[in-house]
C-alpha atoms as a PDB file:
ATOM      1  CA  MET A   1      -2.267  34.959  36.728  1.00  0.00           C
ATOM      2  CA  THR A   2      -3.476  34.201  33.227  1.00  0.00           C
ATOM      3  CA  ASP A   3      -4.381  36.076  30.082  1.00  0.00           C
ATOM      4  CA  ASP A   4      -7.585  36.169  28.042  1.00  0.00           C
ATOM      5  CA  ASP A   5      -6.964  32.664  26.753  1.00  0.00           C
ATOM      6  CA  GLY A   6      -6.818  31.300  30.285  1.00  0.00           C
ATOM      7  CA  TYR A   7      -9.027  31.269  33.353  1.00  0.00           C
ATOM      8  CA  PHE A   8     -10.606  34.711  32.973  1.00  0.00           C
ATOM      9  CA  GLY A   9     -11.177  34.908  29.249  1.00  0.00           C
ATOM     10  CA  GLU A  10     -14.375  35.535  27.344  1.00  0.00           C
ATOM     11  CA  ARG A  11     -16.059  32.353  28.575  1.00  0.00           C
ATOM     12  CA  VAL A  12     -15.877  33.551  32.188  1.00  0.00           C
ATOM     13  CA  ALA A  13     -16.240  37.267  31.458  1.00  0.00           C
ATOM     14  CA  GLY A  14     -19.407  36.758  29.436  1.00  0.00           C
ATOM     15  CA  ARG A  15     -21.361  35.419  32.383  1.00  0.00           C
ATOM     16  CA  TYR A  16     -19.492  36.859  35.353  1.00  0.00           C
ATOM     17  CA  ASP A  17     -22.035  39.579  36.116  1.00  0.00           C
ATOM     18  CA  GLU A  18     -24.881  37.049  35.997  1.00  0.00           C
ATOM     19  CA  SER A  19     -23.755  35.398  39.225  1.00  0.00           C
ATOM     20  CA  SER A  20     -26.342  35.060  41.981  1.00  0.00           C
ATOM     21  CA  GLY A  21     -23.670  34.809  44.675  1.00  0.00           C
ATOM     22  CA  ALA A  22     -23.844  36.907  47.810  1.00  0.00           C
ATOM     23  CA  GLU A  23     -20.981  39.105  46.594  1.00  0.00           C
ATOM     24  CA  PHE A  24     -23.200  40.424  43.811  1.00  0.00           C
ATOM     25  CA  GLN A  25     -26.125  41.387  46.033  1.00  0.00           C
ATOM     26  CA  PRO A  26     -26.683  45.183  46.120  1.00  0.00           C
ATOM     27  CA  GLU A  27     -26.500  45.408  49.906  1.00  0.00           C
ATOM     28  CA  VAL A  28     -23.139  43.603  49.990  1.00  0.00           C
ATOM     29  CA  ILE A  29     -21.714  45.827  47.265  1.00  0.00           C
ATOM     30  CA  GLU A  30     -22.965  48.915  49.107  1.00  0.00           C
ATOM     31  CA  ARG A  31     -21.291  47.883  52.379  1.00  0.00           C
ATOM     32  CA  THR A  32     -18.052  47.176  50.535  1.00  0.00           C
ATOM     33  CA  VAL A  33     -18.105  50.519  48.765  1.00  0.00           C
ATOM     34  CA  ASP A  34     -18.952  52.318  52.030  1.00  0.00           C
ATOM     35  CA  VAL A  35     -15.740  51.036  53.616  1.00  0.00           C
ATOM     36  CA  LEU A  36     -13.539  51.732  50.609  1.00  0.00           C
ATOM     37  CA  ALA A  37     -14.944  55.230  50.067  1.00  0.00           C
ATOM     38  CA  GLU A  38     -14.260  56.048  53.719  1.00  0.00           C
ATOM     39  CA  PHE A  39     -10.631  54.963  53.391  1.00  0.00           C
ATOM     40  CA  ALA A  40     -10.246  56.839  50.116  1.00  0.00           C
ATOM     41  CA  GLY A  41     -11.334  60.102  51.725  1.00  0.00           C
ATOM     42  CA  GLY A  42     -10.584  62.720  49.129  1.00  0.00           C
ATOM     43  CA  GLY A  43      -7.909  60.601  47.473  1.00  0.00           C
ATOM     44  CA  ARG A  44      -7.667  57.985  44.763  1.00  0.00           C
ATOM     45  CA  ALA A  45      -8.385  54.245  44.854  1.00  0.00           C
ATOM     46  CA  LEU A  46      -6.454  51.449  43.146  1.00  0.00           C
ATOM     47  CA  GLU A  47      -8.284  48.183  42.489  1.00  0.00           C
ATOM     48  CA  LEU A  48      -6.205  45.090  41.814  1.00  0.00           C
ATOM     49  CA  GLY A  49      -8.169  42.685  39.630  1.00  0.00           C
ATOM     50  CA  ILE A  50     -10.788  45.247  38.608  1.00  0.00           C
ATOM     51  CA  GLY A  51     -12.612  42.700  36.432  1.00  0.00           C
ATOM     52  CA  THR A  52     -16.024  43.778  35.194  1.00  0.00           C
ATOM     53  CA  GLY A  53     -16.243  46.679  37.647  1.00  0.00           C
ATOM     54  CA  ARG A  54     -18.460  45.137  40.341  1.00  0.00           C
ATOM     55  CA  ILE A  55     -16.854  47.409  42.964  1.00  0.00           C
ATOM     56  CA  ALA A  56     -15.044  50.022  40.867  1.00  0.00           C
ATOM     57  CA  LEU A  57     -18.162  51.323  39.117  1.00  0.00           C
ATOM     58  CA  PRO A  58     -20.234  52.095  42.242  1.00  0.00           C
ATOM     59  CA  LEU A  59     -17.133  53.447  43.980  1.00  0.00           C
ATOM     60  CA  ALA A  60     -16.520  55.815  41.072  1.00  0.00           C
ATOM     61  CA  ARG A  61     -20.154  56.910  41.249  1.00  0.00           C
ATOM     62  CA  ARG A  62     -19.414  58.025  44.824  1.00  0.00           C
ATOM     63  CA  GLY A  63     -16.931  60.482  43.369  1.00  0.00           C
ATOM     64  CA  VAL A  64     -13.791  58.444  44.156  1.00  0.00           C
ATOM     65  CA  PRO A  65     -11.239  58.458  41.321  1.00  0.00           C
ATOM     66  CA  VAL A  66     -10.518  54.782  40.570  1.00  0.00           C
ATOM     67  CA  HIS A  67      -7.743  53.144  38.610  1.00  0.00           C
ATOM     68  CA  GLY A  68      -7.678  49.388  38.035  1.00  0.00           C
ATOM     69  CA  ILE A  69      -5.173  46.719  37.102  1.00  0.00           C
ATOM     70  CA  ASP A  70      -6.264  43.506  35.405  1.00  0.00           C
ATOM     71  CA  LEU A  71      -4.694  40.902  33.166  1.00  0.00           C
ATOM     72  CA  SER A  72      -7.925  39.959  31.379  1.00  0.00           C
ATOM     73  CA  ARG A  73      -8.863  42.185  28.475  1.00  0.00           C
ATOM     74  CA  ALA A  74     -12.153  40.287  28.210  1.00  0.00           C
ATOM     75  CA  MET A  75     -13.160  41.211  31.766  1.00  0.00           C
ATOM     76  CA  VAL A  76     -12.168  44.840  31.278  1.00  0.00           C
ATOM     77  CA  ALA A  77     -14.131  44.998  28.018  1.00  0.00           C
ATOM     78  CA  ARG A  78     -17.237  43.960  29.968  1.00  0.00           C
ATOM     79  CA  MET A  79     -16.619  46.773  32.430  1.00  0.00           C
ATOM     80  CA  ARG A  80     -16.241  49.254  29.582  1.00  0.00           C
ATOM     81  CA  ALA A  81     -19.707  48.295  28.370  1.00  0.00           C
ATOM     82  CA  HIS A  82     -21.204  49.699  31.592  1.00  0.00           C
ATOM     83  CA  GLU A  83     -22.288  53.305  31.938  1.00  0.00           C
ATOM     84  CA  GLY A  84     -19.854  55.351  33.990  1.00  0.00           C
ATOM     85  CA  SER A  85     -16.734  53.378  33.123  1.00  0.00           C
ATOM     86  CA  ALA A  86     -15.161  56.057  30.932  1.00  0.00           C
ATOM     87  CA  GLY A  87     -13.600  57.850  33.872  1.00  0.00           C
ATOM     88  CA  ILE A  88     -11.953  54.718  35.275  1.00  0.00           C
ATOM     89  CA  GLY A  89      -8.364  54.198  34.193  1.00  0.00           C
ATOM     90  CA  VAL A  90      -7.143  50.652  33.592  1.00  0.00           C
ATOM     91  CA  SER A  91      -3.679  49.182  33.238  1.00  0.00           C
ATOM     92  CA  ILE A  92      -3.537  45.749  31.612  1.00  0.00           C
ATOM     93  CA  GLY A  93      -1.113  43.440  33.381  1.00  0.00           C
ATOM     94  CA  ASP A  94      -0.366  41.241  36.371  1.00  0.00           C
ATOM     95  CA  PHE A  95      -1.276  43.169  39.507  1.00  0.00           C
ATOM     96  CA  ALA A  96       1.688  41.711  41.383  1.00  0.00           C
ATOM     97  CA  THR A  97       4.108  43.636  39.179  1.00  0.00           C
ATOM     98  CA  THR A  98       2.246  46.145  36.990  1.00  0.00           C
ATOM     99  CA  THR A  99       2.787  49.745  38.040  1.00  0.00           C
ATOM    100  CA  VAL A 100       0.684  52.867  37.616  1.00  0.00           C
ATOM    101  CA  ASP A 101       2.224  56.290  37.071  1.00  0.00           C
ATOM    102  CA  THR A 102       1.923  58.091  40.405  1.00  0.00           C
ATOM    103  CA  GLU A 103       4.313  60.875  39.464  1.00  0.00           C
ATOM    104  CA  ARG A 104       1.702  62.614  37.343  1.00  0.00           C
ATOM    105  CA  GLU A 105      -1.478  62.156  39.414  1.00  0.00           C
ATOM    106  CA  GLY A 106      -0.084  61.347  42.829  1.00  0.00           C
ATOM    107  CA  PRO A 107      -0.172  58.209  45.011  1.00  0.00           C
ATOM    108  CA  PHE A 108      -3.278  56.333  46.120  1.00  0.00           C
ATOM    109  CA  SER A 109      -5.107  56.630  49.428  1.00  0.00           C
ATOM    110  CA  VAL A 110      -6.473  53.085  49.265  1.00  0.00           C
ATOM    111  CA  ALA A 111      -5.661  49.962  47.285  1.00  0.00           C
ATOM    112  CA  TYR A 112      -7.910  46.933  47.483  1.00  0.00           C
ATOM    113  CA  LEU A 113      -8.232  43.273  46.515  1.00  0.00           C
ATOM    114  CA  VAL A 114     -11.686  41.763  47.047  1.00  0.00           C
ATOM    115  CA  PHE A 115     -13.514  38.451  46.660  1.00  0.00           C
ATOM    116  CA  ASN A 116     -10.505  36.136  47.230  1.00  0.00           C
ATOM    117  CA  THR A 117      -8.553  37.648  44.350  1.00  0.00           C
ATOM    118  CA  ILE A 118      -5.241  37.576  46.239  1.00  0.00           C
ATOM    119  CA  MET A 119      -5.415  33.784  45.847  1.00  0.00           C
ATOM    120  CA  ASN A 120      -5.355  34.096  42.053  1.00  0.00           C
ATOM    121  CA  LEU A 121      -1.656  34.676  42.537  1.00  0.00           C
ATOM    122  CA  THR A 122      -0.689  31.033  42.722  1.00  0.00           C
ATOM    123  CA  ARG A 123       2.837  31.412  44.135  1.00  0.00           C
ATOM    124  CA  GLN A 124       3.852  32.791  47.509  1.00  0.00           C
ATOM    125  CA  GLU A 125       6.526  34.889  45.797  1.00  0.00           C
ATOM    126  CA  ALA A 126       3.861  36.582  43.690  1.00  0.00           C
ATOM    127  CA  GLN A 127       1.696  37.317  46.719  1.00  0.00           C
ATOM    128  CA  VAL A 128       4.691  38.895  48.476  1.00  0.00           C
ATOM    129  CA  ALA A 129       5.445  40.913  45.337  1.00  0.00           C
ATOM    130  CA  CYS A 130       1.851  42.137  45.291  1.00  0.00           C
ATOM    131  CA  PHE A 131       2.193  43.654  48.766  1.00  0.00           C
ATOM    132  CA  ARG A 132       5.423  45.367  47.786  1.00  0.00           C
ATOM    133  CA  ASN A 133       3.865  46.664  44.585  1.00  0.00           C
ATOM    134  CA  VAL A 134       0.922  48.113  46.511  1.00  0.00           C
ATOM    135  CA  ALA A 135       3.209  49.737  49.084  1.00  0.00           C
ATOM    136  CA  ARG A 136       4.988  51.595  46.276  1.00  0.00           C
ATOM    137  CA  HIS A 137       1.671  53.012  45.085  1.00  0.00           C
ATOM    138  CA  LEU A 138       0.290  54.128  48.459  1.00  0.00           C
ATOM    139  CA  ALA A 139       0.620  57.566  49.975  1.00  0.00           C
ATOM    140  CA  PRO A 140       1.911  57.718  53.565  1.00  0.00           C
ATOM    141  CA  GLY A 141      -1.088  56.855  55.735  1.00  0.00           C
ATOM    142  CA  GLY A 142      -2.719  55.031  52.829  1.00  0.00           C
ATOM    143  CA  VAL A 143      -4.182  51.551  53.300  1.00  0.00           C
ATOM    144  CA  PHE A 144      -4.273  48.201  51.546  1.00  0.00           C
ATOM    145  CA  VAL A 145      -7.567  46.299  51.977  1.00  0.00           C
ATOM    146  CA  ILE A 146      -7.946  42.591  51.252  1.00  0.00           C
ATOM    147  CA  GLU A 147     -11.124  40.491  51.450  1.00  0.00           C
ATOM    148  CA  VAL A 148     -10.356  36.768  51.407  1.00  0.00           C
ATOM    149  CA  MET A 149     -11.631  33.472  52.745  1.00  0.00           C
ATOM    150  CA  VAL A 150     -10.147  31.697  55.727  1.00  0.00           C
ATOM    151  CA  PRO A 151      -8.802  28.359  54.430  1.00  0.00           C
ATOM    152  CA  GLU A 152     -11.491  25.706  54.858  1.00  0.00           C
ATOM    153  CA  LEU A 153      -9.230  22.930  56.030  1.00  0.00           C
ATOM    154  CA  ARG A 154     -11.402  22.143  59.052  1.00  0.00           C
ATOM    155  CA  ARG A 155     -14.074  20.991  56.605  1.00  0.00           C
ATOM    156  CA  ILE A 156     -11.845  18.294  55.118  1.00  0.00           C
ATOM    157  CA  PRO A 157     -12.415  14.833  56.639  1.00  0.00           C
ATOM    158  CA  ALA A 158      -9.334  12.892  57.643  1.00  0.00           C
ATOM    159  CA  GLY A 159      -7.819  11.140  54.650  1.00  0.00           C
ATOM    160  CA  GLN A 160      -9.583  13.343  52.073  1.00  0.00           C
ATOM    161  CA  ASN A 161      -8.640  16.528  50.257  1.00  0.00           C
ATOM    162  CA  ILE A 162     -11.895  17.621  48.581  1.00  0.00           C
ATOM    163  CA  VAL A 163     -14.431  20.218  49.773  1.00  0.00           C
ATOM    164  CA  PRO A 164     -17.682  20.614  47.768  1.00  0.00           C
ATOM    165  CA  PHE A 165     -19.104  24.136  47.880  1.00  0.00           C
ATOM    166  CA  LEU A 166     -21.894  24.163  45.304  1.00  0.00           C
ATOM    167  CA  THR A 167     -24.494  21.577  44.390  1.00  0.00           C
ATOM    168  CA  GLY A 168     -27.665  21.943  42.386  1.00  0.00           C
ATOM    169  CA  PRO A 169     -29.596  20.888  39.306  1.00  0.00           C
ATOM    170  CA  ASN A 170     -27.535  23.186  37.068  1.00  0.00           C
ATOM    171  CA  GLY A 171     -24.165  21.971  38.220  1.00  0.00           C
ATOM    172  CA  TRP A 172     -21.786  21.559  41.092  1.00  0.00           C
ATOM    173  CA  ALA A 173     -18.353  22.664  42.213  1.00  0.00           C
ATOM    174  CA  TYR A 174     -15.654  21.456  44.548  1.00  0.00           C
ATOM    175  CA  THR A 175     -12.135  22.349  45.639  1.00  0.00           C
ATOM    176  CA  VAL A 176      -9.170  19.985  45.739  1.00  0.00           C
ATOM    177  CA  TYR A 177      -6.590  21.034  48.346  1.00  0.00           C
ATOM    178  CA  ASP A 178      -2.899  20.262  48.675  1.00  0.00           C
ATOM    179  CA  THR A 179      -2.117  21.022  52.311  1.00  0.00           C
ATOM    180  CA  VAL A 180       1.633  20.693  51.772  1.00  0.00           C
ATOM    181  CA  THR A 181       2.018  23.360  49.085  1.00  0.00           C
ATOM    182  CA  GLN A 182      -1.145  25.405  49.862  1.00  0.00           C
ATOM    183  CA  ASP A 183      -2.106  24.917  46.228  1.00  0.00           C
ATOM    184  CA  ALA A 184      -5.738  24.260  45.426  1.00  0.00           C
ATOM    185  CA  THR A 185      -7.954  23.952  42.368  1.00  0.00           C
ATOM    186  CA  CYS A 186     -11.638  24.787  42.060  1.00  0.00           C
ATOM    187  CA  HIS A 187     -13.470  22.472  39.669  1.00  0.00           C
ATOM    188  CA  TYR A 188     -16.777  23.533  38.116  1.00  0.00           C
ATOM    189  CA  ILE A 189     -19.245  21.309  36.271  1.00  0.00           C
ATOM    190  CA  ASP A 190     -22.091  23.116  34.518  1.00  0.00           C
ATOM    191  CA  ILE A 191     -25.178  21.235  33.321  1.00  0.00           C
ATOM    192  CA  ALA A 192     -27.104  22.642  30.357  1.00  0.00           C
ATOM    193  CA  PRO A 193     -30.895  22.218  29.995  1.00  0.00           C
ATOM    194  CA  ASP A 194     -30.294  19.400  27.505  1.00  0.00           C
ATOM    195  CA  GLY A 195     -28.301  17.508  30.124  1.00  0.00           C
ATOM    196  CA  ARG A 196     -24.926  18.092  28.578  1.00  0.00           C
ATOM    197  CA  GLY A 197     -22.134  19.065  30.912  1.00  0.00           C
ATOM    198  CA  THR A 198     -19.043  21.232  30.608  1.00  0.00           C
ATOM    199  CA  ALA A 199     -16.152  21.350  33.035  1.00  0.00           C
ATOM    200  CA  HIS A 200     -13.439  23.857  33.828  1.00  0.00           C
ATOM    201  CA  ALA A 201     -10.981  24.429  36.651  1.00  0.00           C
ATOM    202  CA  THR A 202      -9.201  27.390  38.241  1.00  0.00           C
ATOM    203  CA  PRO A 203      -6.060  27.118  40.381  1.00  0.00           C
ATOM    204  CA  PHE A 204      -5.321  29.301  43.389  1.00  0.00           C
ATOM    205  CA  ARG A 205      -3.095  29.456  46.450  1.00  0.00           C
ATOM    206  CA  TYR A 206      -4.833  29.739  49.805  1.00  0.00           C
ATOM    207  CA  VAL A 207      -3.224  31.966  52.398  1.00  0.00           C
ATOM    208  CA  TRP A 208      -3.592  32.411  56.161  1.00  0.00           C
ATOM    209  CA  PRO A 209      -4.220  35.764  57.905  1.00  0.00           C
ATOM    210  CA  SER A 210      -0.915  35.521  59.775  1.00  0.00           C
ATOM    211  CA  GLU A 211       0.896  34.844  56.510  1.00  0.00           C
ATOM    212  CA  LEU A 212      -0.634  37.955  54.973  1.00  0.00           C
ATOM    213  CA  ASP A 213       0.491  39.965  58.002  1.00  0.00           C
ATOM    214  CA  LEU A 214       4.070  38.822  57.406  1.00  0.00           C
ATOM    215  CA  MET A 215       3.814  39.759  53.727  1.00  0.00           C
ATOM    216  CA  ALA A 216       2.605  43.193  54.802  1.00  0.00           C
ATOM    217  CA  GLN A 217       5.489  43.536  57.239  1.00  0.00           C
ATOM    218  CA  LEU A 218       7.979  42.678  54.503  1.00  0.00           C
ATOM    219  CA  ALA A 219       6.436  45.467  52.409  1.00  0.00           C
ATOM    220  CA  GLY A 220       6.659  47.997  55.234  1.00  0.00           C
ATOM    221  CA  LEU A 221       2.943  47.944  56.073  1.00  0.00           C
ATOM    222  CA  ARG A 222       1.297  47.322  59.439  1.00  0.00           C
ATOM    223  CA  LEU A 223      -2.079  45.898  60.382  1.00  0.00           C
ATOM    224  CA  ARG A 224      -4.730  48.447  61.332  1.00  0.00           C
ATOM    225  CA  HIS A 225      -7.960  46.403  61.258  1.00  0.00           C
ATOM    226  CA  ARG A 226      -9.135  42.841  60.777  1.00  0.00           C
ATOM    227  CA  TRP A 227     -12.869  42.194  60.572  1.00  0.00           C
ATOM    228  CA  GLY A 228     -15.030  39.180  59.861  1.00  0.00           C
ATOM    229  CA  GLY A 229     -16.716  41.019  56.960  1.00  0.00           C
ATOM    230  CA  TRP A 230     -17.582  44.384  55.444  1.00  0.00           C
ATOM    231  CA  ALA A 231     -20.017  45.153  58.277  1.00  0.00           C
ATOM    232  CA  ARG A 232     -16.883  45.338  60.487  1.00  0.00           C
ATOM    233  CA  GLU A 233     -18.022  42.442  62.632  1.00  0.00           C
ATOM    234  CA  PRO A 234     -15.369  40.910  64.903  1.00  0.00           C
ATOM    235  CA  PHE A 235     -12.967  38.389  63.412  1.00  0.00           C
ATOM    236  CA  THR A 236     -13.105  35.170  65.444  1.00  0.00           C
ATOM    237  CA  GLN A 237     -11.930  31.579  65.227  1.00  0.00           C
ATOM    238  CA  ASP A 238     -15.260  30.766  63.547  1.00  0.00           C
ATOM    239  CA  SER A 239     -14.998  33.434  60.839  1.00  0.00           C
ATOM    240  CA  VAL A 240     -15.044  32.019  57.316  1.00  0.00           C
ATOM    241  CA  ARG A 241     -13.457  35.109  55.778  1.00  0.00           C
ATOM    242  CA  HIS A 242     -11.796  38.323  56.797  1.00  0.00           C
ATOM    243  CA  VAL A 243     -11.420  41.902  55.646  1.00  0.00           C
ATOM    244  CA  SER A 244      -7.947  43.066  56.632  1.00  0.00           C
ATOM    245  CA  VAL A 245      -6.548  46.587  56.437  1.00  0.00           C
ATOM    246  CA  TRP A 246      -2.830  47.393  56.477  1.00  0.00           C
ATOM    247  CA  GLU A 247      -1.524  50.946  56.508  1.00  0.00           C
ATOM    248  CA  LYS A 248       1.621  52.578  55.204  1.00  0.00           C
ATOM    249  CA  PRO A 249       3.302  54.480  58.050  1.00  0.00           C
ATOM    250  CA  THR A 250       3.463  58.238  57.791  1.00  0.00           C
ATOM    251  CA  GLY A 251       6.927  58.521  59.237  1.00  0.00           C
END
């Protein structure tokens, strides 16, 4: 993970909420919040990588107490500019290791990582640590929910390692994969109206569903659900993403 001077600083935070991606469509946000509110029940929710509050704000409006962890002060500042953010607690730090005081307010009923954010932890050790950190915060019977892509390796032609995922008059983007280390980097080229271009890149580590299950097992969690999306559609060999739910045993 990086700080404000890195991948999620003011340059990204300033335009993050302007995205036209599917994840920002009201109906997608509503389905996501429906699931998380159900798992929260009458308890608290912990968001890892709370960012600008895309999910935390509407979840809080449902009456769910939300606490977030994020390393980027710039992203959190954008969330604080939104109405309704005052009641959301935030801890600044790496969500793989940063802890929240559960002695005073009690453990969480649900913790969640959405929109591929688990991959922002670019080392396997950090991803494993994240599961263990979440397990320490959950109440018995509580759940950890992750939304993440299925690695797109089937889209890579033999002898190549690049997958384009955005093309248009205002720019394009592509991912460079290393299938040995599971490291990857997303490259973005933005074209201004005057024709000038700017480029930036963000590293991540892609991870397989089975690998996440093993991380959960190491943290003492067990798989309860795996869906192909927030509508709880079946997860199949053709699914491009999954929403997985691991629970902390009660006994």
